[in-house]
Amino acid sequence: MGIFEKKKETLNAADISALWLQYMGDSMAICVYKYFIKIVEEKKIKSILEYSLRLSESHIAKIKEFFISADFQVPKGFTEDDVNLDAPRLFSDEFLLFYSKIMTIHGVTAYSLAMTTAERQDVQNYFYECLVTSKDLFQRIMELARRQAKFTSLPTIPSPKGIEFTETTGILANLAGEKRPLNIAEITNIFFNSKKTGLVRSLSLAFSQVADLEEVRKFMSKNAKLAGKDAESFDALLREDHLSIPEKWDADITDSTVSPFSDKLMMFHAALLVNAALSYYGAALGSSLRSDITLNYQKVSLHAMQAGGLCYKILVKHGWMEKLPEAVDRKSLVQRPGK
C-alpha cells in the first residue's frame, strides 16, 4: 500500500458495541411495529408507528453498511420468523402510543451515549442523526399523548419565595421519622421510573398470557408481579406528598392468548428493559438524599438484577442469545494443540 493511500476504516469496541446493540434493538422494533401497524385503528397513532418503523428500517440498513465496510460480521437479530402478523389484537391503541413513547426515551438515551463514545466522525454523525430524528418522533408522540384521556403530567411545584440554601441533607431527620418533602429531582426520577416500570409490568403481563413455553410464561408472570410492586413503591412515595402518579395500562391488555411474537423476541425484550431500568435506577440513586428513597432504589435494582439473571439463563438455555463480539482469547491460542 502506498504511503499516501487511505487506510481502510475500522470499528473499535465502542463503535461495535453501540452499533451491534442498536441492530438487535431495531431488528426487534421492526417486528414489533409491523404488528402494531397491523392492529392499530387510530390514524394519528398509526402515522407515528409507521414513522417509527421507517426509522428502525433505515437504522438497520446503515448499520449493515458500517459492518460490511469494516469486514465485520453482521448480527442476525430478529426476522419475520419472530413476528406473527395474523395474531389478534393484544394491546389497545393508547397502549401502542405509550409503548412508543417509553421506547423512544430509551433510544434517545442510548444514542446520546453512543455519539460521545464513538471515535469515528461518520459514526458520530450517524448517531447524531438518530438523536435528531428520535427527538422529532418524541415530540410528535408527546403532542398526541397530551390529548389522550389517560395522559398524566408530572406534578407542578410552587416557586420558592426567595433564594434558599440547604442546611441539612434530610437523611438524619428521615431516619428519625421526619421526612422532608420530595425535591424536584426526586419527583422527576420517581415519576418517570414508575412510568417505565409500569410498562415492564403491563408488557410482561401481556407476554405471560401468549408465550408458547411454560418456562417463559412463568418468568413473565413473575416479572409482571415484581415490576408491579416496584412501580407501586414509587407511587407510594409520590402519594405521601399528595402528588399525582402515572397512568396504569394493565386494562389495555386484551384477553388474547395468541402470540404476535416469538418467545425469543419477548425474552430479549424483557432483558432490554431490565438493562434500561438498571441504568435509570442507578442515575436516580445518585441524586436522591432521603434514606428511604435510597433504600427503595436499592431494592428495585436488586429485583431488576434478579430478573436479568433469569432472562439470560432462559435465553442461553434455548440458544436465543446472540453472542457479543469478544476480545481475542490469547490463553486459548497459547494452549492450542501443537501442529
Protein backbone atom coordinates (compact mmCIF):
# COMPACT_ATOMS: atom_id res chain seq x y z
CA MET A 1 0.00 0.00 0.00
CA GLY A 2 1.39 3.40 -0.96
CA ILE A 3 2.35 5.88 1.73
CA PHE A 4 -0.47 8.24 0.78
CA GLU A 5 -3.11 5.56 0.21
CA LYS A 6 -6.05 5.91 2.59
CA LYS A 7 -6.11 3.22 5.24
CA LYS A 8 -9.33 1.21 5.49
CA GLU A 9 -11.51 2.45 8.35
CA THR A 10 -12.03 0.02 11.21
CA LEU A 11 -14.54 -0.06 14.04
CA ASN A 12 -13.34 -0.04 17.65
CA ALA A 13 -15.05 -1.73 20.60
CA ALA A 14 -17.25 1.29 21.42
CA ASP A 15 -18.41 1.61 17.80
CA ILE A 16 -19.19 -2.09 17.50
CA SER A 17 -20.96 -2.25 20.86
CA ALA A 18 -23.29 0.66 20.08
CA LEU A 19 -24.00 -0.46 16.51
CA TRP A 20 -24.44 -4.13 17.46
CA LEU A 21 -26.87 -3.42 20.29
CA GLN A 22 -28.81 -0.95 18.17
CA TYR A 23 -29.05 -3.51 15.37
CA MET A 24 -30.52 -6.04 17.80
CA GLY A 25 -32.95 -3.49 19.23
CA ASP A 26 -34.06 -2.12 15.88
CA SER A 27 -34.49 -5.53 14.27
CA MET A 28 -36.76 -6.34 17.23
CA ALA A 29 -38.55 -3.00 16.81
CA ILE A 30 -39.27 -3.74 13.15
CA CYS A 31 -41.13 -6.90 14.17
CA VAL A 32 -42.99 -5.08 16.95
CA TYR A 33 -44.04 -2.08 14.87
CA LYS A 34 -45.15 -4.19 11.91
CA TYR A 35 -47.56 -5.97 14.24
CA PHE A 36 -48.65 -2.72 15.87
CA ILE A 37 -49.42 -1.19 12.46
CA LYS A 38 -51.49 -4.26 11.59
CA ILE A 39 -53.75 -3.88 14.66
CA VAL A 40 -53.90 -0.09 15.20
CA GLU A 41 -57.10 1.77 14.32
CA GLU A 42 -56.42 5.41 15.25
CA LYS A 43 -54.94 7.11 12.18
CA LYS A 44 -52.71 9.57 14.05
CA ILE A 45 -51.22 6.81 16.19
CA LYS A 46 -50.74 4.69 13.06
CA SER A 47 -48.79 7.54 11.45
CA ILE A 48 -46.40 7.60 14.43
CA LEU A 49 -45.97 3.83 14.32
CA GLU A 50 -45.22 3.95 10.58
CA TYR A 51 -42.61 6.67 11.15
CA SER A 52 -41.05 4.57 13.93
CA LEU A 53 -40.88 1.58 11.58
CA ARG A 54 -39.21 3.63 8.84
CA LEU A 55 -36.59 4.87 11.30
CA SER A 56 -35.80 1.36 12.51
CA GLU A 57 -35.52 0.06 8.93
CA SER A 58 -33.19 2.92 7.98
CA HIS A 59 -31.04 2.22 11.07
CA ILE A 60 -30.67 -1.44 10.12
CA ALA A 61 -29.61 -0.54 6.57
CA LYS A 62 -26.99 1.97 7.76
CA ILE A 63 -25.56 -0.33 10.44
CA LYS A 64 -25.15 -3.08 7.83
CA GLU A 65 -23.13 -0.62 5.74
CA PHE A 66 -20.83 0.14 8.66
CA PHE A 67 -20.22 -3.53 9.40
CA ILE A 68 -19.76 -4.65 5.79
CA SER A 69 -17.34 -1.80 5.01
CA ALA A 70 -15.25 -2.86 8.02
CA ASP A 71 -15.44 -6.57 7.09
CA PHE A 72 -17.22 -7.22 10.38
CA GLN A 73 -19.88 -9.85 10.98
CA VAL A 74 -23.46 -8.54 10.78
CA PRO A 75 -25.64 -9.88 13.63
CA LYS A 76 -28.70 -11.97 12.87
CA GLY A 77 -31.04 -10.10 15.20
CA PHE A 78 -34.75 -10.68 14.63
CA THR A 79 -36.53 -11.57 11.41
CA GLU A 80 -40.02 -12.19 10.02
CA ASP A 81 -39.89 -15.57 11.78
CA ASP A 82 -40.17 -13.71 15.10
CA VAL A 83 -43.50 -11.99 14.38
CA ASN A 84 -46.99 -13.27 13.63
CA LEU A 85 -48.86 -10.52 11.81
CA ASP A 86 -52.07 -12.57 11.86
CA ALA A 87 -52.23 -12.59 15.68
CA PRO A 88 -55.31 -10.90 17.16
CA ARG A 89 -55.14 -7.57 18.96
CA LEU A 90 -53.21 -7.82 22.23
CA PHE A 91 -52.94 -4.09 23.06
CA SER A 92 -55.16 -1.01 22.85
CA ASP A 93 -54.23 1.86 20.52
CA GLU A 94 -53.42 4.08 23.52
CA PHE A 95 -51.00 1.48 24.86
CA LEU A 96 -49.22 1.38 21.49
CA LEU A 97 -48.63 5.13 21.80
CA PHE A 98 -47.43 4.79 25.40
CA TYR A 99 -45.07 1.97 24.41
CA SER A 100 -43.65 4.10 21.58
CA LYS A 101 -43.07 6.98 24.00
CA ILE A 102 -41.08 4.92 26.51
CA MET A 103 -39.05 3.10 23.86
CA THR A 104 -38.21 6.42 22.16
CA ILE A 105 -36.94 7.73 25.50
CA HIS A 106 -34.69 4.67 25.77
CA GLY A 107 -33.47 5.29 22.21
CA VAL A 108 -32.60 8.95 22.80
CA THR A 109 -30.60 7.99 25.90
CA ALA A 110 -28.68 5.26 24.04
CA TYR A 111 -27.92 7.48 21.01
CA SER A 112 -26.54 10.27 23.22
CA LEU A 113 -24.14 7.86 24.91
CA ALA A 114 -23.12 6.21 21.64
CA MET A 115 -22.38 9.56 19.98
CA THR A 116 -20.00 10.58 22.78
CA THR A 117 -18.12 7.25 22.94
CA ALA A 118 -17.62 6.84 19.17
CA GLU A 119 -14.28 8.00 17.74
CA ARG A 120 -15.03 7.91 14.00
CA GLN A 121 -16.72 11.08 12.81
CA ASP A 122 -19.07 9.25 10.43
CA VAL A 123 -20.26 7.05 13.30
CA GLN A 124 -20.72 10.13 15.49
CA ASN A 125 -22.70 11.81 12.71
CA TYR A 126 -24.86 8.72 12.31
CA PHE A 127 -25.82 8.63 16.00
CA TYR A 128 -26.39 12.38 15.98
CA GLU A 129 -28.85 11.90 13.10
CA CYS A 130 -30.54 9.13 15.11
CA LEU A 131 -30.79 11.56 18.01
CA VAL A 132 -32.34 14.30 15.85
CA THR A 133 -34.94 12.04 14.24
CA SER A 134 -35.79 10.45 17.58
CA LYS A 135 -36.28 13.92 19.05
CA ASP A 136 -38.73 14.69 16.26
CA LEU A 137 -40.50 11.37 16.87
CA PHE A 138 -40.70 12.01 20.62
CA GLN A 139 -42.22 15.46 20.09
CA ARG A 140 -44.83 14.01 17.74
CA ILE A 141 -45.67 11.34 20.31
CA MET A 142 -45.95 13.88 23.13
CA GLU A 143 -48.16 16.19 21.10
CA LEU A 144 -50.60 13.34 20.55
CA ALA A 145 -50.19 11.78 24.02
CA ARG A 146 -51.26 15.00 25.76
CA ARG A 147 -54.64 14.70 24.07
CA GLN A 148 -55.25 11.19 25.41
CA ALA A 149 -57.70 10.81 28.30
CA LYS A 150 -55.24 8.72 30.32
CA PHE A 151 -52.31 11.13 29.99
CA THR A 152 -50.81 12.12 33.34
CA SER A 153 -48.44 15.06 33.52
CA LEU A 154 -45.66 15.50 36.04
CA PRO A 155 -46.71 17.30 39.25
CA THR A 156 -46.22 21.07 39.38
CA ILE A 157 -44.20 22.65 42.18
CA PRO A 158 -44.74 26.18 43.61
CA SER A 159 -41.91 28.67 43.23
CA PRO A 160 -39.78 29.33 46.33
CA LYS A 161 -40.41 32.73 47.92
CA GLY A 162 -36.71 33.52 47.72
CA ILE A 163 -33.23 32.07 47.35
CA GLU A 164 -32.67 29.29 49.87
CA PHE A 165 -29.70 27.08 50.75
CA THR A 166 -30.00 23.58 52.18
CA GLU A 167 -28.96 23.35 55.81
CA THR A 168 -29.22 19.56 56.06
CA THR A 169 -29.45 16.63 53.66
CA GLY A 170 -32.55 15.40 55.44
CA ILE A 171 -31.03 11.94 55.88
CA LEU A 172 -30.79 12.10 59.68
CA ALA A 173 -34.27 13.59 60.00
CA ASN A 174 -35.62 10.88 57.73
CA LEU A 175 -34.04 8.18 59.89
CA ALA A 176 -35.82 9.74 62.85
CA GLY A 177 -39.12 9.53 61.02
CA GLU A 178 -39.32 13.20 59.97
CA LYS A 179 -39.25 13.10 56.18
CA ARG A 180 -38.69 16.32 54.27
CA PRO A 181 -40.85 16.75 51.15
CA LEU A 182 -39.57 15.35 47.86
CA ASN A 183 -37.44 17.78 45.87
CA ILE A 184 -37.86 18.37 42.15
CA ALA A 185 -35.08 15.96 41.09
CA GLU A 186 -36.53 13.17 43.24
CA ILE A 187 -40.07 13.80 41.97
CA THR A 188 -38.96 13.68 38.34
CA ASN A 189 -36.96 10.47 38.73
CA ILE A 190 -39.62 8.71 40.82
CA PHE A 191 -42.42 9.69 38.41
CA PHE A 192 -40.61 8.53 35.28
CA ASN A 193 -39.28 5.36 36.89
CA SER A 194 -42.81 4.50 37.94
CA LYS A 195 -43.97 5.07 34.36
CA LYS A 196 -41.18 2.98 32.82
CA THR A 197 -41.58 0.20 35.39
CA GLY A 198 -45.30 0.26 34.68
CA LEU A 199 -44.54 -0.54 31.05
CA VAL A 200 -42.48 -3.55 32.16
CA ARG A 201 -45.41 -4.78 34.26
CA SER A 202 -48.04 -4.41 31.53
CA LEU A 203 -45.84 -5.79 28.77
CA SER A 204 -44.81 -8.77 30.91
CA LEU A 205 -48.46 -9.37 31.77
CA ALA A 206 -49.32 -9.46 28.06
CA PHE A 207 -46.39 -11.73 27.25
CA SER A 208 -47.28 -14.10 30.11
CA GLN A 209 -50.62 -14.96 28.51
CA VAL A 210 -49.34 -15.53 24.97
CA ALA A 211 -45.89 -17.15 25.31
CA ASP A 212 -45.58 -20.70 23.98
CA LEU A 213 -43.19 -22.18 26.53
CA GLU A 214 -44.40 -22.64 30.11
CA GLU A 215 -40.97 -21.51 31.34
CA VAL A 216 -41.35 -18.20 29.53
CA ARG A 217 -44.94 -17.74 30.73
CA LYS A 218 -43.86 -18.31 34.34
CA PHE A 219 -40.97 -15.86 34.01
CA MET A 220 -43.21 -13.17 32.50
CA SER A 221 -45.82 -13.67 35.22
CA LYS A 222 -43.18 -13.32 37.93
CA ASN A 223 -41.67 -10.29 36.20
CA ALA A 224 -45.09 -8.63 36.00
CA LYS A 225 -45.63 -9.10 39.74
CA LEU A 226 -42.18 -7.78 40.66
CA ALA A 227 -42.48 -4.77 38.34
CA GLY A 228 -45.94 -4.09 39.74
CA LYS A 229 -44.58 -3.99 43.29
CA ASP A 230 -41.70 -1.76 42.21
CA ALA A 231 -43.99 0.68 40.38
CA GLU A 232 -46.27 0.79 43.42
CA SER A 233 -43.28 1.56 45.67
CA PHE A 234 -42.57 4.62 43.53
CA ASP A 235 -46.24 5.63 43.55
CA ALA A 236 -46.36 5.37 47.35
CA LEU A 237 -43.54 7.92 47.63
CA LEU A 238 -45.48 10.35 45.42
CA ARG A 239 -48.73 9.81 47.33
CA GLU A 240 -47.06 10.70 50.63
CA ASP A 241 -46.65 14.25 49.31
CA HIS A 242 -50.10 14.21 47.64
CA LEU A 243 -48.57 14.23 44.15
CA SER A 244 -50.08 12.74 41.02
CA ILE A 245 -48.98 9.26 39.91
CA PRO A 246 -48.51 7.95 36.35
CA GLU A 247 -51.32 6.23 34.46
CA LYS A 248 -51.56 2.43 34.52
CA TRP A 249 -52.02 0.17 31.47
CA ASP A 250 -52.97 -3.33 32.60
CA ALA A 251 -56.57 -2.77 31.47
CA ASP A 252 -55.29 -2.04 27.96
CA ILE A 253 -54.19 -5.65 27.50
CA THR A 254 -56.79 -7.83 25.78
CA ASP A 255 -57.60 -11.46 26.64
CA SER A 256 -55.86 -12.85 23.53
CA THR A 257 -53.71 -15.95 24.04
CA VAL A 258 -52.25 -15.99 20.51
CA SER A 259 -48.70 -14.63 20.50
CA PRO A 260 -47.72 -11.97 17.97
CA PHE A 261 -44.04 -12.56 18.78
CA SER A 262 -41.64 -15.45 19.25
CA ASP A 263 -40.63 -16.41 22.79
CA LYS A 264 -37.09 -15.45 21.79
CA LEU A 265 -38.16 -11.89 20.95
CA MET A 266 -40.22 -11.50 24.12
CA MET A 267 -37.38 -12.71 26.35
CA PHE A 268 -34.92 -10.39 24.59
CA HIS A 269 -37.37 -7.52 25.05
CA ALA A 270 -37.60 -8.27 28.77
CA ALA A 271 -33.79 -8.29 29.04
CA LEU A 272 -33.59 -4.99 27.14
CA LEU A 273 -35.99 -3.30 29.56
CA VAL A 274 -34.18 -4.74 32.59
CA ASN A 275 -30.89 -3.24 31.39
CA ALA A 276 -32.55 0.12 30.82
CA ALA A 277 -34.17 0.03 34.27
CA LEU A 278 -30.83 -0.61 35.97
CA SER A 279 -29.33 2.42 34.21
CA TYR A 280 -32.18 4.72 35.19
CA TYR A 281 -32.30 3.45 38.77
CA GLY A 282 -28.55 4.00 39.15
CA ALA A 283 -28.76 7.56 37.85
CA ALA A 284 -31.71 8.34 40.14
CA LEU A 285 -29.95 6.81 43.14
CA GLY A 286 -27.09 9.26 42.73
CA SER A 287 -29.40 12.28 43.03
CA SER A 288 -31.53 11.06 45.96
CA LEU A 289 -30.63 12.12 49.50
CA ARG A 290 -33.54 10.73 51.51
CA SER A 291 -32.61 7.37 53.04
CA ASP A 292 -35.99 5.77 52.30
CA ILE A 293 -35.65 6.68 48.60
CA THR A 294 -32.10 5.34 48.50
CA LEU A 295 -33.22 2.07 50.07
CA ASN A 296 -36.12 1.81 47.60
CA TYR A 297 -33.80 2.21 44.61
CA GLN A 298 -31.51 -0.45 46.05
CA LYS A 299 -34.48 -2.80 46.40
CA VAL A 300 -35.85 -2.28 42.88
CA SER A 301 -32.33 -2.55 41.43
CA LEU A 302 -31.96 -5.93 43.13
CA HIS A 303 -35.28 -7.02 41.60
CA ALA A 304 -34.09 -5.90 38.16
CA MET A 305 -30.79 -7.79 38.54
CA GLN A 306 -32.67 -10.94 39.59
CA ALA A 307 -34.97 -10.62 36.59
CA GLY A 308 -31.98 -10.01 34.31
CA GLY A 309 -30.25 -13.14 35.58
CA LEU A 310 -33.33 -15.25 34.86
CA CYS A 311 -33.69 -13.62 31.43
CA TYR A 312 -30.19 -14.51 30.35
CA LYS A 313 -30.44 -18.02 31.76
CA ILE A 314 -33.53 -18.71 29.63
CA LEU A 315 -32.04 -17.02 26.55
CA VAL A 316 -28.86 -19.08 26.76
CA LYS A 317 -30.69 -22.32 27.58
CA HIS A 318 -32.76 -22.16 24.39
CA GLY A 319 -30.00 -20.86 22.13
CA TRP A 320 -31.67 -17.47 21.70
CA MET A 321 -28.86 -15.22 22.89
CA GLU A 322 -26.62 -14.00 20.12
CA LYS A 323 -23.06 -13.76 21.41
CA LEU A 324 -21.49 -10.31 21.58
CA PRO A 325 -18.11 -9.99 19.84
CA GLU A 326 -15.22 -10.56 22.26
CA ALA A 327 -11.52 -9.75 22.51
CA VAL A 328 -9.07 -12.37 21.20
CA ASP A 329 -8.75 -15.27 23.65
CA ARG A 330 -4.95 -15.27 23.95
CA LYS A 331 -5.00 -18.03 26.54
CA SER A 332 -6.72 -20.49 24.18
CA LEU A 333 -4.19 -19.62 21.44
CA VAL A 334 -1.31 -20.46 23.76
CA GLN A 335 -2.94 -23.71 24.92
CA ARG A 336 -3.94 -24.96 21.45
CA PRO A 337 -2.70 -28.45 20.43
CA GLY A 338 0.61 -28.48 18.64
CA LYS A 339 0.61 -28.71 14.87
